[in-house]
């Protein structure tokens, strides 16, 4: 198994971040919040320049900029999307909430790859029976198949098998 050490990027950590000897956490890729916030600024600027005489264009540009700003701020305020330790996993829920899932409630951990319109995406799926939690490589800062393998190892150690 490939083990990654945290890579510091101006206060951010990419990939798997060790929280203690028993737990791991995965966070959003560092470039994404910057990209989203830059997109918001560019969208607002474009709206002001191109939509000054058209209130519909200006409104749509401002709405798009606000959505990108919110999305980027979420990445800054809640960068850790998934954490695991001997007790279970903690997943992000809603905009900034957390949900704790003990290992006993988790039915399946898989990394599913899908191809659609020439693009291949891979998602980590954590099936907790009443809820399904999906994470992309961008959410995790690491390949979903590596994270799935690490979660299965942690689960096996925690439940003794």
Protein backbone atom coordinates (compact mmCIF):
# COMPACT_ATOMS: atom_id res chain seq x y z
CA UNK A 1 0.00 0.00 0.00
CA UNK A 2 1.20 3.49 -0.81
CA UNK A 3 1.31 5.76 2.21
CA UNK A 4 1.28 9.47 1.65
CA UNK A 5 2.64 11.94 4.09
CA UNK A 6 0.90 15.28 4.39
CA UNK A 7 2.10 17.86 1.90
CA UNK A 8 1.97 21.38 3.27
CA UNK A 9 0.81 24.08 0.89
CA UNK A 10 0.69 27.34 2.79
CA UNK A 11 -1.25 25.96 5.73
CA UNK A 12 -3.21 23.45 3.64
CA UNK A 13 -2.58 19.74 3.52
CA UNK A 14 -3.20 17.64 0.45
CA UNK A 15 -4.09 13.98 0.57
CA UNK A 16 -4.24 11.87 3.69
CA UNK A 17 -3.50 13.76 6.87
CA UNK A 18 -2.61 11.81 9.97
CA UNK A 19 -4.65 13.04 12.92
CA UNK A 20 -3.12 10.70 15.49
CA UNK A 21 -1.71 7.19 15.63
CA UNK A 22 -5.20 5.72 15.30
CA UNK A 23 -6.96 8.00 12.80
CA UNK A 24 -6.79 9.51 9.35
CA UNK A 25 -8.59 12.36 7.65
CA UNK A 26 -8.95 13.46 4.05
CA UNK A 27 -9.56 16.99 2.90
CA UNK A 28 -10.44 18.93 -0.19
CA UNK A 29 -7.65 19.60 -2.69
CA UNK A 30 -5.95 22.91 -1.86
CA UNK A 31 -6.37 24.47 -5.30
CA UNK A 32 -10.14 24.08 -5.41
CA UNK A 33 -11.17 26.85 -2.99
CA UNK A 34 -8.80 29.29 -4.72
CA UNK A 35 -10.18 28.31 -8.12
CA UNK A 36 -13.78 28.72 -6.98
CA UNK A 37 -13.15 32.09 -5.32
CA UNK A 38 -11.27 33.33 -8.40
CA UNK A 39 -14.16 32.15 -10.57
CA UNK A 40 -16.59 34.07 -8.37
CA UNK A 41 -14.56 37.26 -8.72
CA UNK A 42 -14.26 36.82 -12.50
CA UNK A 43 -17.99 36.11 -12.83
CA UNK A 44 -18.84 39.25 -10.87
CA UNK A 45 -16.40 41.31 -12.94
CA UNK A 46 -17.80 39.92 -16.20
CA UNK A 47 -21.32 40.66 -15.02
CA UNK A 48 -20.44 44.24 -14.19
CA UNK A 49 -18.66 44.77 -17.50
CA UNK A 50 -21.03 42.94 -19.84
CA UNK A 51 -24.29 43.28 -18.02
CA UNK A 52 -24.25 46.92 -16.94
CA UNK A 53 -27.12 47.76 -19.30
CA UNK A 54 -28.95 44.42 -18.90
CA UNK A 55 -30.32 43.69 -15.42
CA UNK A 56 -30.98 40.03 -16.26
CA UNK A 57 -27.34 39.40 -17.25
CA UNK A 58 -26.12 41.27 -14.21
CA UNK A 59 -28.47 39.34 -11.94
CA UNK A 60 -27.42 35.98 -13.39
CA UNK A 61 -23.74 36.89 -13.09
CA UNK A 62 -24.21 37.98 -9.47
CA UNK A 63 -26.17 34.82 -8.67
CA UNK A 64 -23.45 32.66 -10.23
CA UNK A 65 -20.75 34.58 -8.39
CA UNK A 66 -22.61 34.16 -5.09
CA UNK A 67 -22.95 30.40 -5.67
CA UNK A 68 -19.23 30.04 -6.44
CA UNK A 69 -18.35 32.19 -3.43
CA UNK A 70 -20.46 30.02 -1.12
CA UNK A 71 -19.01 26.85 -2.57
CA UNK A 72 -15.45 28.15 -2.18
CA UNK A 73 -16.06 29.38 1.38
CA UNK A 74 -17.41 25.95 2.34
CA UNK A 75 -14.13 24.43 1.15
CA UNK A 76 -12.18 26.94 3.25
CA UNK A 77 -14.31 26.58 6.39
CA UNK A 78 -14.84 22.79 6.26
CA UNK A 79 -11.88 21.34 4.35
CA UNK A 80 -11.94 17.91 6.01
CA UNK A 81 -14.56 15.79 4.26
CA UNK A 82 -13.85 12.40 5.81
CA UNK A 83 -12.11 11.17 8.96
CA UNK A 84 -11.69 7.63 10.24
CA UNK A 85 -10.50 6.10 13.49
CA UNK A 86 -11.06 2.92 15.46
CA UNK A 87 -14.60 3.99 16.39
CA UNK A 88 -15.86 4.66 12.87
CA UNK A 89 -15.93 7.44 10.31
CA UNK A 90 -16.99 11.06 10.46
CA UNK A 91 -18.41 12.48 7.26
CA UNK A 92 -19.36 15.99 6.30
CA UNK A 93 -23.13 16.51 6.40
CA UNK A 94 -24.87 19.47 4.84
CA UNK A 95 -22.95 22.69 4.48
CA UNK A 96 -20.78 22.52 7.57
CA UNK A 97 -22.12 19.73 9.76
CA UNK A 98 -20.58 16.42 10.69
CA UNK A 99 -22.12 12.97 11.04
CA UNK A 100 -20.47 10.14 12.98
CA UNK A 101 -20.93 6.61 11.61
CA UNK A 102 -19.74 3.74 13.80
CA UNK A 103 -18.15 0.82 11.95
CA UNK A 104 -21.10 -1.43 12.87
CA UNK A 105 -23.47 0.76 10.82
CA UNK A 106 -21.30 0.77 7.71
CA UNK A 107 -22.40 -1.98 5.34
CA UNK A 108 -20.05 -1.38 2.41
CA UNK A 109 -17.04 0.71 1.37
CA UNK A 110 -16.29 0.79 -2.36
CA UNK A 111 -14.56 2.92 -4.94
CA UNK A 112 -16.69 2.89 -8.08
CA UNK A 113 -15.34 4.06 -11.43
CA UNK A 114 -17.76 5.28 -14.08
CA UNK A 115 -17.25 6.46 -17.63
CA UNK A 116 -19.73 8.92 -19.09
CA UNK A 117 -19.33 10.93 -22.29
CA UNK A 118 -15.65 10.19 -22.49
CA UNK A 119 -14.90 11.22 -18.91
CA UNK A 120 -13.91 8.73 -16.25
CA UNK A 121 -14.78 9.52 -12.66
CA UNK A 122 -14.18 7.55 -9.51
CA UNK A 123 -16.20 7.95 -6.34
CA UNK A 124 -15.74 6.58 -2.85
CA UNK A 125 -19.04 5.17 -1.62
CA UNK A 126 -19.72 4.59 2.06
CA UNK A 127 -23.02 2.77 2.47
CA UNK A 128 -24.42 3.11 5.98
CA UNK A 129 -27.76 1.43 5.27
CA UNK A 130 -30.02 4.45 5.68
CA UNK A 131 -27.55 6.80 4.01
CA UNK A 132 -25.04 6.72 1.18
CA UNK A 133 -22.02 9.03 1.31
CA UNK A 134 -20.15 9.81 -1.92
CA UNK A 135 -16.74 11.45 -2.17
CA UNK A 136 -14.76 12.39 -5.27
CA UNK A 137 -10.98 12.60 -5.57
CA UNK A 138 -11.36 16.38 -5.26
CA UNK A 139 -13.24 15.97 -1.97
CA UNK A 140 -10.62 13.62 -0.58
CA UNK A 141 -7.41 15.04 -2.02
CA UNK A 142 -6.47 11.43 -2.81
CA UNK A 143 -7.60 8.67 -5.19
CA UNK A 144 -10.86 7.13 -3.92
CA UNK A 145 -9.57 3.56 -4.36
CA UNK A 146 -6.63 4.28 -2.02
CA UNK A 147 -8.95 5.85 0.54
CA UNK A 148 -11.34 2.87 0.31
CA UNK A 149 -8.45 0.46 0.91
CA UNK A 150 -7.28 2.50 3.91
CA UNK A 151 -10.82 2.62 5.36
CA UNK A 152 -11.21 -1.15 4.97
CA UNK A 153 -7.86 -1.67 6.77
CA UNK A 154 -8.89 0.65 9.61
CA UNK A 155 -12.26 -1.08 9.88
CA UNK A 156 -10.66 -4.54 9.95
CA UNK A 157 -8.30 -3.46 12.75
CA UNK A 158 -11.14 -1.85 14.69
CA UNK A 159 -13.55 -4.79 14.57
CA UNK A 160 -10.82 -7.40 14.83
CA UNK A 161 -11.09 -9.07 11.50
